[in-house]
Amino acid sequence: MIILSLAAIMTSVLWYFSGMASGNQNTPAGLSVSAPAAQTVNDGHARDYNPAAVIYGGAYSKAELDKIAFTDNRDGFGHTDLQQIYAAAGITQADFDSSDTVVGTVYKTGDIAVFGRLVAVSSETDSRNLLLASAPFNWLPRAPNAQLFIATSIPAWVDMKGGSFHWAILMSCGCIVTQPIWPSLA
């Protein structure tokens, strides 16, 4: 039986998001996570080629995410659970494709902005289990962005249906960002 410390888990989490934010595929220990050349896109975007990303290499256009997640249901690493992951989060292709889903920015502080306007605070990010990347889709670890992000901000697709924040998808990795529902004190 393997027992992992919280420090070991957080080191893995930080390594994952540092690579996602910077485009760096090297771990702090100098190990390399590389993609097959045919799957690597060099388009100037910080793409996350870590197998723990929800979408290996991310998606920087609606057409790209539609093809990977909703049409093919397969990313460059071979994950075939993308439709299940997004459906479990309540994200449909119709909602994603709608004009309500726009480009925004998710910040390490947990803030989310669209067109320079703050639309959410205290956001959290779901990603694949970093230590067991083949874990079932319904076990995506969630943590506050402040605990996961190395970068100050990451571009995202942000759903603003009805003028309010519902969810976001980080472009670099396809990870889902949500805002915790706080219990009412009334």
N, C-alpha and C. Protein backbone atom coordinates (compact mmCIF):
# COMPACT_ATOMS: atom_id res chain seq x y z
N MET A 1 0.84 -1.17 0.00
CA MET A 1 0.00 0.00 0.00
C MET A 1 0.89 1.24 0.00
N ILE A 2 0.57 2.17 -0.88
CA ILE A 2 1.35 3.39 -0.98
C ILE A 2 0.59 4.52 -0.30
N ILE A 3 1.27 5.22 0.56
CA ILE A 3 0.68 6.37 1.23
C ILE A 3 1.43 7.60 0.76
N LEU A 4 0.69 8.55 0.20
CA LEU A 4 1.31 9.75 -0.32
C LEU A 4 1.02 10.92 0.61
N SER A 5 2.01 11.73 0.81
CA SER A 5 1.84 12.89 1.67
C SER A 5 1.16 14.01 0.90
N LEU A 6 0.53 14.91 1.62
CA LEU A 6 -0.08 16.08 1.01
C LEU A 6 0.97 16.88 0.26
N ALA A 7 2.17 16.96 0.79
CA ALA A 7 3.25 17.70 0.12
C ALA A 7 3.58 17.08 -1.24
N ALA A 8 3.62 15.76 -1.32
CA ALA A 8 3.91 15.09 -2.58
C ALA A 8 2.81 15.35 -3.60
N ILE A 9 1.57 15.31 -3.15
CA ILE A 9 0.45 15.56 -4.04
C ILE A 9 0.49 17.00 -4.53
N MET A 10 0.71 17.96 -3.64
CA MET A 10 0.74 19.36 -4.04
C MET A 10 1.91 19.66 -4.96
N THR A 11 3.05 18.98 -4.75
CA THR A 11 4.19 19.15 -5.65
C THR A 11 3.79 18.72 -7.05
N SER A 12 3.08 17.60 -7.16
CA SER A 12 2.61 17.14 -8.46
C SER A 12 1.64 18.13 -9.07
N VAL A 13 0.73 18.65 -8.26
CA VAL A 13 -0.25 19.63 -8.75
C VAL A 13 0.46 20.87 -9.24
N LEU A 14 1.40 21.39 -8.47
CA LEU A 14 2.12 22.60 -8.87
C LEU A 14 2.95 22.35 -10.13
N TRP A 15 3.57 21.18 -10.23
CA TRP A 15 4.33 20.85 -11.43
C TRP A 15 3.41 20.86 -12.64
N TYR A 16 2.25 20.26 -12.50
CA TYR A 16 1.29 20.19 -13.60
C TYR A 16 0.89 21.58 -14.07
N PHE A 17 0.46 22.44 -13.15
CA PHE A 17 -0.01 23.75 -13.55
C PHE A 17 1.13 24.68 -13.93
N SER A 18 2.34 24.46 -13.44
CA SER A 18 3.44 25.29 -13.89
C SER A 18 3.75 24.99 -15.34
N GLY A 19 3.68 23.74 -15.72
CA GLY A 19 3.87 23.38 -17.12
C GLY A 19 2.76 23.92 -17.99
N MET A 20 1.52 23.85 -17.49
CA MET A 20 0.38 24.35 -18.24
C MET A 20 0.51 25.85 -18.48
N ALA A 21 0.88 26.57 -17.46
CA ALA A 21 0.92 28.02 -17.57
C ALA A 21 2.08 28.51 -18.42
N SER A 22 3.20 27.83 -18.35
CA SER A 22 4.38 28.33 -19.03
C SER A 22 4.65 27.65 -20.36
N GLY A 23 3.94 26.56 -20.63
CA GLY A 23 4.22 25.81 -21.83
C GLY A 23 5.43 24.90 -21.66
N ASN A 24 6.05 24.93 -20.49
CA ASN A 24 7.22 24.13 -20.19
C ASN A 24 6.79 22.69 -19.93
N GLN A 25 7.41 21.75 -20.59
CA GLN A 25 7.05 20.35 -20.42
C GLN A 25 8.01 19.64 -19.47
N ASN A 26 8.85 20.36 -18.77
CA ASN A 26 9.81 19.74 -17.85
C ASN A 26 9.34 19.88 -16.42
N THR A 27 9.53 18.84 -15.67
CA THR A 27 9.19 18.88 -14.26
C THR A 27 10.33 19.56 -13.51
N PRO A 28 10.09 19.98 -12.25
CA PRO A 28 11.18 20.57 -11.48
C PRO A 28 12.36 19.64 -11.33
N ALA A 29 12.11 18.32 -11.39
CA ALA A 29 13.21 17.37 -11.23
C ALA A 29 13.96 17.15 -12.54
N GLY A 30 13.51 17.81 -13.61
CA GLY A 30 14.20 17.68 -14.89
C GLY A 30 13.67 16.57 -15.76
N LEU A 31 12.63 15.88 -15.32
CA LEU A 31 12.03 14.84 -16.14
C LEU A 31 11.22 15.50 -17.23
N SER A 32 11.08 14.84 -18.36
CA SER A 32 10.37 15.44 -19.48
C SER A 32 9.10 14.68 -19.78
N VAL A 33 8.03 15.43 -20.04
CA VAL A 33 6.79 14.86 -20.52
C VAL A 33 6.63 15.39 -21.93
N SER A 34 6.76 14.53 -22.92
CA SER A 34 6.69 15.03 -24.29
C SER A 34 5.58 14.35 -25.06
N ALA A 35 5.04 15.06 -26.01
CA ALA A 35 3.97 14.56 -26.85
C ALA A 35 4.55 13.95 -28.11
N PRO A 36 3.82 13.02 -28.71
CA PRO A 36 4.24 12.55 -30.03
C PRO A 36 4.27 13.74 -30.98
N ALA A 37 5.27 13.81 -31.84
CA ALA A 37 5.43 14.96 -32.72
C ALA A 37 4.18 15.26 -33.52
N ALA A 38 3.46 14.24 -33.96
CA ALA A 38 2.27 14.46 -34.77
C ALA A 38 1.15 15.13 -33.99
N GLN A 39 1.17 15.03 -32.68
CA GLN A 39 0.10 15.58 -31.86
C GLN A 39 0.43 16.96 -31.31
N THR A 40 1.65 17.39 -31.41
CA THR A 40 2.07 18.66 -30.84
C THR A 40 1.72 19.80 -31.79
N VAL A 41 1.06 20.81 -31.25
CA VAL A 41 0.72 22.00 -32.03
C VAL A 41 1.61 23.13 -31.55
N ASN A 42 2.38 23.72 -32.45
CA ASN A 42 3.23 24.85 -32.08
C ASN A 42 2.64 26.10 -32.72
N ASP A 43 1.66 26.68 -32.03
CA ASP A 43 0.95 27.83 -32.58
C ASP A 43 1.10 29.08 -31.72
N GLY A 44 2.09 29.08 -30.83
CA GLY A 44 2.34 30.24 -30.00
C GLY A 44 1.54 30.26 -28.71
N HIS A 45 0.65 29.31 -28.51
CA HIS A 45 -0.12 29.24 -27.28
C HIS A 45 0.58 28.32 -26.29
N ALA A 46 0.39 28.60 -25.00
CA ALA A 46 0.94 27.74 -23.96
C ALA A 46 0.03 26.53 -23.83
N ARG A 47 0.37 25.46 -24.51
CA ARG A 47 -0.44 24.24 -24.50
C ARG A 47 0.13 23.26 -23.49
N ASP A 48 -0.77 22.59 -22.79
CA ASP A 48 -0.37 21.64 -21.77
C ASP A 48 -0.35 20.24 -22.36
N TYR A 49 0.84 19.71 -22.59
CA TYR A 49 1.00 18.36 -23.10
C TYR A 49 1.28 17.37 -21.98
N ASN A 50 0.65 17.56 -20.87
CA ASN A 50 0.76 16.66 -19.74
C ASN A 50 -0.41 15.69 -19.81
N PRO A 51 -0.19 14.38 -19.65
CA PRO A 51 -1.30 13.43 -19.74
C PRO A 51 -2.37 13.63 -18.67
N ALA A 52 -2.10 14.43 -17.67
CA ALA A 52 -3.10 14.70 -16.64
C ALA A 52 -4.04 15.84 -17.03
N ALA A 53 -3.80 16.51 -18.15
CA ALA A 53 -4.72 17.55 -18.62
C ALA A 53 -6.03 16.91 -19.03
N VAL A 54 -7.13 17.61 -18.86
CA VAL A 54 -8.41 17.07 -19.34
C VAL A 54 -8.33 16.88 -20.84
N ILE A 55 -7.87 17.91 -21.57
CA ILE A 55 -7.60 17.78 -23.01
C ILE A 55 -6.11 17.98 -23.21
N TYR A 56 -5.43 16.94 -23.61
CA TYR A 56 -3.99 16.96 -23.86
C TYR A 56 -3.69 17.97 -24.95
N GLY A 57 -3.02 19.06 -24.62
CA GLY A 57 -2.70 20.11 -25.58
C GLY A 57 -3.73 21.22 -25.63
N GLY A 58 -4.84 21.08 -24.91
CA GLY A 58 -5.84 22.12 -24.84
C GLY A 58 -6.55 22.40 -26.15
N ALA A 59 -7.27 23.53 -26.18
CA ALA A 59 -8.03 23.95 -27.36
C ALA A 59 -8.20 25.45 -27.31
N TYR A 60 -7.66 26.14 -28.30
CA TYR A 60 -7.69 27.61 -28.31
C TYR A 60 -8.73 28.19 -29.27
N SER A 61 -9.55 27.35 -29.88
CA SER A 61 -10.67 27.86 -30.68
C SER A 61 -11.88 26.98 -30.37
N LYS A 62 -13.05 27.53 -30.60
CA LYS A 62 -14.27 26.74 -30.38
C LYS A 62 -14.29 25.54 -31.31
N ALA A 63 -13.87 25.73 -32.57
CA ALA A 63 -13.85 24.62 -33.52
C ALA A 63 -12.91 23.51 -33.06
N GLU A 64 -11.76 23.89 -32.50
CA GLU A 64 -10.80 22.89 -32.03
C GLU A 64 -11.37 22.10 -30.85
N LEU A 65 -11.97 22.78 -29.87
CA LEU A 65 -12.54 22.07 -28.73
C LEU A 65 -13.72 21.22 -29.17
N ASP A 66 -14.58 21.74 -30.07
CA ASP A 66 -15.70 20.94 -30.59
C ASP A 66 -15.22 19.63 -31.19
N LYS A 67 -14.19 19.72 -32.02
CA LYS A 67 -13.68 18.51 -32.69
C LYS A 67 -13.10 17.52 -31.69
N ILE A 68 -12.25 18.01 -30.81
CA ILE A 68 -11.58 17.12 -29.86
C ILE A 68 -12.57 16.52 -28.86
N ALA A 69 -13.36 17.38 -28.21
CA ALA A 69 -14.18 16.92 -27.09
C ALA A 69 -15.53 16.36 -27.51
N PHE A 70 -16.20 17.02 -28.46
CA PHE A 70 -17.57 16.64 -28.74
C PHE A 70 -17.73 15.77 -29.99
N THR A 71 -16.88 15.96 -31.00
CA THR A 71 -16.99 15.15 -32.21
C THR A 71 -16.18 13.87 -32.09
N ASP A 72 -14.86 14.00 -31.87
CA ASP A 72 -13.98 12.83 -31.80
C ASP A 72 -14.01 12.15 -30.44
N ASN A 73 -14.27 12.93 -29.37
CA ASN A 73 -14.19 12.43 -27.99
C ASN A 73 -12.85 11.75 -27.74
N ARG A 74 -11.79 12.37 -28.25
CA ARG A 74 -10.44 11.79 -28.10
C ARG A 74 -9.41 12.92 -28.25
N ASP A 75 -8.50 12.98 -27.28
CA ASP A 75 -7.43 13.97 -27.40
C ASP A 75 -6.15 13.29 -27.89
N GLY A 76 -5.08 14.06 -28.00
CA GLY A 76 -3.83 13.55 -28.53
C GLY A 76 -3.15 12.53 -27.64
N PHE A 77 -3.55 12.43 -26.39
CA PHE A 77 -2.97 11.44 -25.50
C PHE A 77 -3.74 10.13 -25.53
N GLY A 78 -4.97 10.20 -26.04
CA GLY A 78 -5.81 9.00 -26.11
C GLY A 78 -6.94 8.98 -25.10
N HIS A 79 -7.12 10.06 -24.34
CA HIS A 79 -8.27 10.12 -23.42
C HIS A 79 -9.55 10.06 -24.26
N THR A 80 -10.47 9.17 -23.89
CA THR A 80 -11.74 9.04 -24.61
C THR A 80 -12.94 9.27 -23.68
N ASP A 81 -12.72 10.04 -22.63
CA ASP A 81 -13.79 10.30 -21.67
C ASP A 81 -14.19 11.77 -21.64
N LEU A 82 -13.83 12.52 -22.67
CA LEU A 82 -14.05 13.97 -22.66
C LEU A 82 -15.52 14.33 -22.59
N GLN A 83 -16.37 13.66 -23.38
CA GLN A 83 -17.79 13.95 -23.34
C GLN A 83 -18.36 13.66 -21.95
N GLN A 84 -17.92 12.59 -21.32
CA GLN A 84 -18.38 12.25 -19.97
C GLN A 84 -17.96 13.31 -18.97
N ILE A 85 -16.73 13.77 -19.07
CA ILE A 85 -16.23 14.79 -18.13
C ILE A 85 -17.04 16.06 -18.24
N TYR A 86 -17.22 16.55 -19.47
CA TYR A 86 -17.95 17.80 -19.64
C TYR A 86 -19.43 17.63 -19.29
N ALA A 87 -20.02 16.50 -19.63
CA ALA A 87 -21.43 16.26 -19.28
C ALA A 87 -21.61 16.22 -17.76
N ALA A 88 -20.67 15.60 -17.05
CA ALA A 88 -20.75 15.53 -15.59
C ALA A 88 -20.69 16.92 -14.96
N ALA A 89 -20.04 17.86 -15.66
CA ALA A 89 -19.95 19.23 -15.17
C ALA A 89 -21.11 20.09 -15.68
N GLY A 90 -22.02 19.48 -16.44
CA GLY A 90 -23.16 20.21 -16.98
C GLY A 90 -22.83 21.04 -18.20
N ILE A 91 -21.74 20.71 -18.87
CA ILE A 91 -21.31 21.47 -20.06
C ILE A 91 -21.74 20.69 -21.30
N THR A 92 -22.62 21.29 -22.09
CA THR A 92 -23.07 20.67 -23.33
C THR A 92 -22.41 21.34 -24.52
N GLN A 93 -22.40 20.64 -25.65
CA GLN A 93 -21.84 21.24 -26.86
C GLN A 93 -22.65 22.47 -27.25
N ALA A 94 -23.96 22.41 -27.11
CA ALA A 94 -24.80 23.56 -27.47
C ALA A 94 -24.45 24.78 -26.61
N ASP A 95 -24.26 24.57 -25.30
CA ASP A 95 -23.88 25.69 -24.43
C ASP A 95 -22.50 26.22 -24.80
N PHE A 96 -21.56 25.31 -25.06
CA PHE A 96 -20.21 25.74 -25.41
C PHE A 96 -20.22 26.54 -26.71
N ASP A 97 -20.98 26.07 -27.71
CA ASP A 97 -21.00 26.73 -29.02
C ASP A 97 -21.80 28.03 -29.04
N SER A 98 -22.60 28.26 -28.01
CA SER A 98 -23.46 29.45 -28.00
C SER A 98 -22.64 30.73 -27.89
N SER A 99 -23.28 31.84 -28.25
CA SER A 99 -22.62 33.14 -28.15
C SER A 99 -22.45 33.56 -26.70
N ASP A 100 -23.06 32.81 -25.76
CA ASP A 100 -22.90 33.10 -24.33
C ASP A 100 -21.54 32.65 -23.80
N THR A 101 -20.86 31.77 -24.53
CA THR A 101 -19.54 31.29 -24.12
C THR A 101 -18.50 32.13 -24.85
N VAL A 102 -17.77 32.91 -24.08
CA VAL A 102 -16.85 33.92 -24.63
C VAL A 102 -15.46 33.75 -24.04
N VAL A 103 -14.51 34.43 -24.62
CA VAL A 103 -13.14 34.40 -24.13
C VAL A 103 -13.05 35.24 -22.86
N GLY A 104 -12.39 34.69 -21.86
CA GLY A 104 -12.17 35.40 -20.61
C GLY A 104 -10.83 35.01 -20.02
N THR A 105 -10.61 35.40 -18.80
CA THR A 105 -9.34 35.13 -18.12
C THR A 105 -9.63 34.61 -16.72
N VAL A 106 -8.97 33.51 -16.36
CA VAL A 106 -9.05 32.96 -15.01
C VAL A 106 -7.74 33.29 -14.31
N TYR A 107 -7.85 33.87 -13.13
CA TYR A 107 -6.67 34.33 -12.39
C TYR A 107 -6.33 33.39 -11.23
N LYS A 108 -5.06 33.39 -10.89
CA LYS A 108 -4.56 32.61 -9.76
C LYS A 108 -5.30 32.97 -8.47
N THR A 109 -5.75 34.22 -8.35
CA THR A 109 -6.47 34.68 -7.17
C THR A 109 -7.85 34.04 -7.05
N GLY A 110 -8.32 33.42 -8.14
CA GLY A 110 -9.66 32.85 -8.16
C GLY A 110 -10.65 33.74 -8.90
N ASP A 111 -10.23 34.96 -9.24
CA ASP A 111 -11.10 35.86 -9.99
C ASP A 111 -11.20 35.39 -11.44
N ILE A 112 -12.35 35.69 -12.05
CA ILE A 112 -12.55 35.43 -13.47
C ILE A 112 -13.09 36.71 -14.08
N ALA A 113 -12.48 37.12 -15.20
CA ALA A 113 -12.90 38.35 -15.87
C ALA A 113 -13.28 38.06 -17.31
N VAL A 114 -14.29 38.79 -17.78
CA VAL A 114 -14.72 38.73 -19.17
C VAL A 114 -14.82 40.17 -19.66
N PHE A 115 -14.16 40.46 -20.76
CA PHE A 115 -14.12 41.83 -21.31
C PHE A 115 -13.71 42.84 -20.24
N GLY A 116 -12.77 42.44 -19.38
CA GLY A 116 -12.25 43.33 -18.34
C GLY A 116 -13.17 43.50 -17.13
N ARG A 117 -14.29 42.79 -17.11
CA ARG A 117 -15.25 42.90 -16.00
C ARG A 117 -15.18 41.65 -15.14
N LEU A 118 -15.09 41.83 -13.82
CA LEU A 118 -15.06 40.71 -12.89
C LEU A 118 -16.41 40.00 -12.90
N VAL A 119 -16.41 38.69 -13.17
CA VAL A 119 -17.66 37.93 -13.23
C VAL A 119 -17.75 36.84 -12.18
N ALA A 120 -16.62 36.48 -11.55
CA ALA A 120 -16.63 35.44 -10.52
C ALA A 120 -15.41 35.60 -9.63
N VAL A 121 -15.53 35.13 -8.40
CA VAL A 121 -14.43 35.13 -7.44
C VAL A 121 -14.34 33.75 -6.81
N SER A 122 -13.22 33.47 -6.18
CA SER A 122 -13.01 32.21 -5.45
C SER A 122 -13.22 30.98 -6.32
N SER A 123 -12.85 31.07 -7.60
CA SER A 123 -13.05 29.93 -8.49
C SER A 123 -12.10 28.79 -8.13
N GLU A 124 -12.51 27.60 -8.54
CA GLU A 124 -11.74 26.38 -8.32
C GLU A 124 -11.61 25.64 -9.64
N THR A 125 -10.56 24.85 -9.78
CA THR A 125 -10.29 24.14 -11.02
C THR A 125 -10.31 22.64 -10.79
N ASP A 126 -10.99 21.94 -11.72
CA ASP A 126 -11.00 20.47 -11.75
C ASP A 126 -10.00 20.02 -12.80
N SER A 127 -9.19 19.03 -12.46
CA SER A 127 -8.25 18.46 -13.43
C SER A 127 -8.22 16.96 -13.22
N ARG A 128 -7.54 16.26 -14.12
CA ARG A 128 -7.40 14.81 -13.92
C ARG A 128 -6.56 14.56 -12.69
N ASN A 129 -6.73 13.41 -12.09
CA ASN A 129 -5.90 13.02 -10.96
C ASN A 129 -4.46 13.00 -11.44
N LEU A 130 -3.63 13.80 -10.82
CA LEU A 130 -2.26 13.95 -11.28
C LEU A 130 -1.38 12.75 -11.01
N LEU A 131 -1.73 11.99 -10.01
CA LEU A 131 -0.92 10.82 -9.68
C LEU A 131 -1.45 9.57 -10.35
N LEU A 132 -2.71 9.56 -10.67
CA LEU A 132 -3.35 8.42 -11.34
C LEU A 132 -4.11 8.95 -12.54
N ALA A 133 -3.40 9.31 -13.59
CA ALA A 133 -4.02 9.96 -14.75
C ALA A 133 -5.07 9.09 -15.41
N SER A 134 -5.10 7.81 -15.12
CA SER A 134 -6.10 6.94 -15.72
C SER A 134 -7.30 6.74 -14.79
N ALA A 135 -7.40 7.53 -13.73
CA ALA A 135 -8.53 7.41 -12.80
C ALA A 135 -9.83 7.68 -13.54
N PRO A 136 -10.94 7.12 -13.03
CA PRO A 136 -12.23 7.35 -13.68
C PRO A 136 -12.55 8.82 -13.79
N PHE A 137 -13.30 9.17 -14.84
CA PHE A 137 -13.60 10.57 -15.14
C PHE A 137 -14.31 11.26 -13.99
N ASN A 138 -15.05 10.53 -13.19
CA ASN A 138 -15.83 11.18 -12.14
C ASN A 138 -15.00 11.50 -10.90
N TRP A 139 -13.71 11.27 -10.97
CA TRP A 139 -12.85 11.65 -9.86
C TRP A 139 -11.82 12.65 -10.34
N LEU A 140 -12.29 13.88 -10.52
CA LEU A 140 -11.39 14.96 -10.92
C LEU A 140 -11.12 15.81 -9.69
N PRO A 141 -9.88 15.87 -9.25
CA PRO A 141 -9.58 16.67 -8.07
C PRO A 141 -9.89 18.14 -8.30
N ARG A 142 -10.47 18.77 -7.31
CA ARG A 142 -10.81 20.19 -7.37
C ARG A 142 -10.04 20.91 -6.29
N ALA A 143 -9.51 22.07 -6.65
CA ALA A 143 -8.79 22.88 -5.67
C ALA A 143 -8.89 24.34 -6.06
N PRO A 144 -8.74 25.23 -5.07
CA PRO A 144 -8.72 26.66 -5.40
C PRO A 144 -7.55 26.98 -6.33
N ASN A 145 -7.79 27.90 -7.25
CA ASN A 145 -6.74 28.27 -8.21
C ASN A 145 -5.47 28.73 -7.52
N ALA A 146 -5.60 29.40 -6.39
CA ALA A 146 -4.42 29.90 -5.67
C ALA A 146 -3.50 28.76 -5.26
N GLN A 147 -4.05 27.57 -5.06
CA GLN A 147 -3.23 26.42 -4.68
C GLN A 147 -2.64 25.71 -5.89
N LEU A 148 -3.19 25.95 -7.08
CA LEU A 148 -2.78 25.20 -8.26
C LEU A 148 -1.98 26.01 -9.28
N PHE A 149 -2.34 27.25 -9.49
CA PHE A 149 -1.74 28.03 -10.57
C PHE A 149 -0.37 28.56 -10.17
N ILE A 150 0.57 28.48 -11.09
CA ILE A 150 1.84 29.17 -10.97
C ILE A 150 1.72 30.51 -11.71
N ALA A 151 1.09 30.45 -12.89
CA ALA A 151 0.90 31.66 -13.70
C ALA A 151 -0.11 32.58 -13.01
N THR A 152 0.00 33.85 -13.31
CA THR A 152 -0.93 34.83 -12.77
C THR A 152 -2.31 34.66 -13.37
N SER A 153 -2.38 34.30 -14.66
CA SER A 153 -3.67 34.14 -15.33
C SER A 153 -3.56 33.15 -16.48
N ILE A 154 -4.71 32.59 -16.86
CA ILE A 154 -4.79 31.63 -17.96
C ILE A 154 -6.04 31.96 -18.78
N PRO A 155 -5.93 32.05 -20.11
CA PRO A 155 -7.12 32.31 -20.92
C PRO A 155 -8.09 31.13 -20.86
N ALA A 156 -9.39 31.45 -20.97
CA ALA A 156 -10.41 30.41 -20.84
C ALA A 156 -11.64 30.73 -21.66
N TRP A 157 -12.41 29.69 -21.94
CA TRP A 157 -13.75 29.85 -22.49
C TRP A 157 -14.67 29.99 -21.29
N VAL A 158 -15.44 31.08 -21.21
CA VAL A 158 -16.27 31.36 -20.04
C VAL A 158 -17.74 31.41 -20.45
N ASP A 159 -18.57 30.59 -19.80
CA ASP A 159 -20.00 30.59 -20.09
C ASP A 159 -20.69 31.66 -19.25
N MET A 160 -21.34 32.61 -19.94
CA MET A 160 -22.00 33.74 -19.28
C MET A 160 -23.49 33.77 -19.61
N LYS A 161 -24.11 32.59 -19.73
CA LYS A 161 -25.54 32.51 -20.06
C LYS A 161 -26.35 33.34 -19.08
N GLY A 162 -27.24 34.16 -19.62
CA GLY A 162 -28.07 35.02 -18.78
C GLY A 162 -27.30 36.15 -18.12
N GLY A 163 -26.05 36.36 -18.56
CA GLY A 163 -25.25 37.45 -18.01
C GLY A 163 -24.52 37.12 -16.72
N SER A 164 -24.55 35.84 -16.30
CA SER A 164 -23.81 35.47 -15.09
C SER A 164 -22.92 34.26 -15.35
N PHE A 165 -21.86 34.15 -14.56
CA PHE A 165 -20.88 33.07 -14.71
C PHE A 165 -21.48 31.72 -14.35
N HIS A 166 -21.20 30.70 -15.20
CA HIS A 166 -21.63 29.33 -14.92
C HIS A 166 -20.44 28.38 -14.82
N TRP A 167 -19.52 28.45 -15.77
CA TRP A 167 -18.33 27.60 -15.80
C TRP A 167 -17.32 28.19 -16.78
N ALA A 168 -16.11 27.68 -16.70
CA ALA A 168 -15.07 28.06 -17.66
C ALA A 168 -14.26 26.82 -18.00
N ILE A 169 -13.66 26.83 -19.17
CA ILE A 169 -12.75 25.77 -19.60
C ILE A 169 -11.42 26.43 -19.93
N LEU A 170 -10.35 26.03 -19.22
CA LEU A 170 -9.02 26.59 -19.49
C LEU A 170 -8.56 26.16 -20.88
N MET A 171 -8.16 27.12 -21.69
CA MET A 171 -7.78 26.82 -23.08
C MET A 171 -6.55 25.93 -23.17
N SER A 172 -5.62 26.08 -22.27
CA SER A 172 -4.35 25.35 -22.37
C SER A 172 -4.48 23.87 -22.08
N CYS A 173 -5.54 23.46 -21.36
CA CYS A 173 -5.61 22.07 -20.92
C CYS A 173 -7.02 21.48 -20.88
N GLY A 174 -8.04 22.29 -21.09
CA GLY A 174 -9.41 21.78 -21.04
C GLY A 174 -9.95 21.57 -19.64
N CYS A 175 -9.19 21.96 -18.62
CA CYS A 175 -9.66 21.79 -17.24
C CYS A 175 -10.86 22.70 -17.00
N ILE A 176 -11.76 22.24 -16.15
CA ILE A 176 -13.01 22.94 -15.87
C ILE A 176 -12.84 23.81 -14.63
N VAL A 177 -13.32 25.05 -14.73
CA VAL A 177 -13.26 25.99 -13.62
C VAL A 177 -14.68 26.30 -13.17
N THR A 178 -14.91 26.20 -11.88
CA THR A 178 -16.23 26.49 -11.33
C THR A 178 -16.09 27.45 -10.15
N GLN A 179 -17.21 27.99 -9.75
CA GLN A 179 -17.24 28.85 -8.58
C GLN A 179 -17.98 28.08 -7.51
N PRO A 180 -17.41 27.92 -6.32
CA PRO A 180 -18.09 27.16 -5.28
C PRO A 180 -19.43 27.79 -4.94
N ILE A 181 -20.39 26.96 -4.64
CA ILE A 181 -21.68 27.46 -4.17
C ILE A 181 -21.61 27.53 -2.66
N TRP A 182 -21.67 28.73 -2.15
CA TRP A 182 -21.56 28.93 -0.71
C TRP A 182 -22.93 28.79 -0.08
N PRO A 183 -23.03 28.11 1.07
CA PRO A 183 -24.34 27.96 1.72
C PRO A 183 -24.87 29.32 2.16
N SER A 184 -26.18 29.45 2.11
CA SER A 184 -26.82 30.69 2.53
C SER A 184 -26.75 30.81 4.04
N LEU A 185 -26.47 32.01 4.51
CA LEU A 185 -26.44 32.25 5.94
C LEU A 185 -27.79 32.74 6.46
N ALA A 186 -28.74 32.90 5.57
CA ALA A 186 -30.07 33.40 5.97
C ALA A 186 -30.90 32.32 6.63
